[in-house]
Amino acid sequence: MSEDRYHINIFKPNGEFQKTEVKYIWMILIVWALGTYGFQLLLRIVQRNPQGESFLTDMQFLGFPFHYWFTGQFLIIMFIVLCIWFNILIDGLEDRMGKGDIRS
């Protein structure tokens, strides 16, 4: 087997399969970044005082302050869902492109 077959460059993908795969990777990274850093930016924008109090820190969700639940619980759940979503996308891409299992 040649080494060229497995060469992947995320900034300059070759072929339709790699281009679509890289598009999926960027899409997942953007969703993750918006969830992680976008919420932190929102907390900073809506704070009432230098201590960081806002309606998001005053709200309760499942008995926890909303900002704590979001960063401590929801982001972990979001990460797991993004991993599952990425795998579903890649499985569908492999089926469409006829790539199948690597072991074959």
Protein backbone atom coordinates (compact mmCIF):
# COMPACT_ATOMS: atom_id res chain seq x y z
CA MET A 1 0.00 0.00 0.00
CA SER A 2 1.22 3.43 -0.78
CA GLU A 3 1.50 6.12 1.89
CA ASP A 4 -0.20 8.67 -0.43
CA ARG A 5 -3.49 6.87 0.03
CA TYR A 6 -3.77 7.99 3.66
CA HIS A 7 -2.40 11.53 3.34
CA ILE A 8 -4.92 14.05 4.66
CA ASN A 9 -4.40 17.80 4.84
CA ILE A 10 -7.24 19.59 6.65
CA PHE A 11 -6.39 22.88 4.94
CA LYS A 12 -6.13 21.49 1.40
CA PRO A 13 -8.16 18.28 1.06
CA ASN A 14 -7.88 16.12 -2.05
CA GLY A 15 -10.91 14.50 -3.61
CA GLU A 16 -14.62 14.75 -2.92
CA PHE A 17 -14.54 12.44 0.11
CA GLN A 18 -11.86 14.43 1.94
CA LYS A 19 -13.46 17.77 1.05
CA THR A 20 -16.78 16.65 2.50
CA GLU A 21 -15.08 15.15 5.57
CA VAL A 22 -13.19 18.38 6.24
CA LYS A 23 -16.44 20.34 5.80
CA TYR A 24 -18.04 18.14 8.49
CA ILE A 25 -15.04 18.63 10.79
CA TRP A 26 -15.20 22.43 10.47
CA MET A 27 -18.97 22.37 11.01
CA ILE A 28 -18.60 20.37 14.23
CA LEU A 29 -15.74 22.60 15.45
CA ILE A 30 -17.79 25.75 14.84
CA VAL A 31 -20.79 24.39 16.75
CA TRP A 32 -18.49 23.34 19.62
CA ALA A 33 -16.74 26.75 19.69
CA LEU A 34 -20.02 28.64 19.67
CA GLY A 35 -21.36 26.53 22.52
CA THR A 36 -18.21 26.86 24.59
CA TYR A 37 -16.91 30.35 23.91
CA GLY A 38 -20.14 31.96 22.72
CA PHE A 39 -21.83 31.31 26.07
CA GLN A 40 -18.86 32.71 27.98
CA LEU A 41 -18.96 35.81 25.79
CA LEU A 42 -22.71 36.12 26.39
CA LEU A 43 -22.13 35.94 30.15
CA ARG A 44 -19.58 38.73 29.84
CA ILE A 45 -21.89 40.89 27.71
CA VAL A 46 -24.94 40.65 29.98
CA GLN A 47 -23.21 41.02 33.36
CA ARG A 48 -24.62 43.71 35.65
CA ASN A 49 -21.53 44.38 37.75
CA PRO A 50 -17.81 43.55 37.91
CA GLN A 51 -18.56 40.40 39.94
CA GLY A 52 -20.25 38.91 36.88
CA GLU A 53 -23.84 38.79 38.16
CA SER A 54 -26.53 38.66 35.48
CA PHE A 55 -29.92 37.12 34.79
CA LEU A 56 -28.07 34.00 33.59
CA THR A 57 -26.31 33.59 36.93
CA ASP A 58 -29.53 34.31 38.86
CA MET A 59 -31.61 31.70 36.97
CA GLN A 60 -31.95 28.18 38.34
CA PHE A 61 -32.11 25.03 36.21
CA LEU A 62 -32.56 21.60 37.80
CA GLY A 63 -31.57 23.14 41.13
CA PHE A 64 -28.30 24.60 39.84
CA PRO A 65 -27.44 28.13 38.71
CA PHE A 66 -28.00 28.14 34.95
CA HIS A 67 -24.46 29.20 34.04
CA TYR A 68 -23.04 26.36 36.16
CA TRP A 69 -25.40 23.78 34.66
CA PHE A 70 -24.64 24.97 31.13
CA THR A 71 -20.87 24.79 31.46
CA GLY A 72 -20.70 21.82 33.82
CA GLN A 73 -23.39 19.58 32.39
CA PHE A 74 -24.76 20.76 29.05
CA LEU A 75 -21.40 21.22 27.33
CA ILE A 76 -20.43 17.64 28.16
CA ILE A 77 -23.74 16.40 26.76
CA MET A 78 -23.26 18.63 23.70
CA PHE A 79 -19.77 17.18 23.14
CA ILE A 80 -21.10 13.62 23.25
CA VAL A 81 -23.95 14.50 20.86
CA LEU A 82 -21.48 16.18 18.47
CA CYS A 83 -19.30 13.05 18.49
CA ILE A 84 -22.31 10.86 17.69
CA TRP A 85 -23.50 13.31 15.00
CA PHE A 86 -20.02 13.36 13.41
CA ASN A 87 -19.89 9.57 13.31
CA ILE A 88 -23.34 9.41 11.71
CA LEU A 89 -22.27 11.97 9.10
CA ILE A 90 -19.05 10.09 8.31
CA ASP A 91 -20.85 6.72 8.13
CA GLY A 92 -23.32 8.23 5.67
CA LEU A 93 -20.48 9.77 3.67
CA GLU A 94 -18.65 6.43 3.49
CA ASP A 95 -21.84 4.70 2.35
CA ARG A 96 -22.48 7.33 -0.35
CA MET A 97 -18.88 7.32 -1.59
CA GLY A 98 -18.50 3.56 -1.37
CA LYS A 99 -15.52 3.75 0.99
CA GLY A 100 -16.87 1.16 3.40
CA ASP A 101 -14.76 -0.51 6.05
CA ILE A 102 -10.99 0.08 6.05
CA ARG A 103 -10.31 -3.58 6.82
CA SER A 104 -11.60 -4.70 3.44
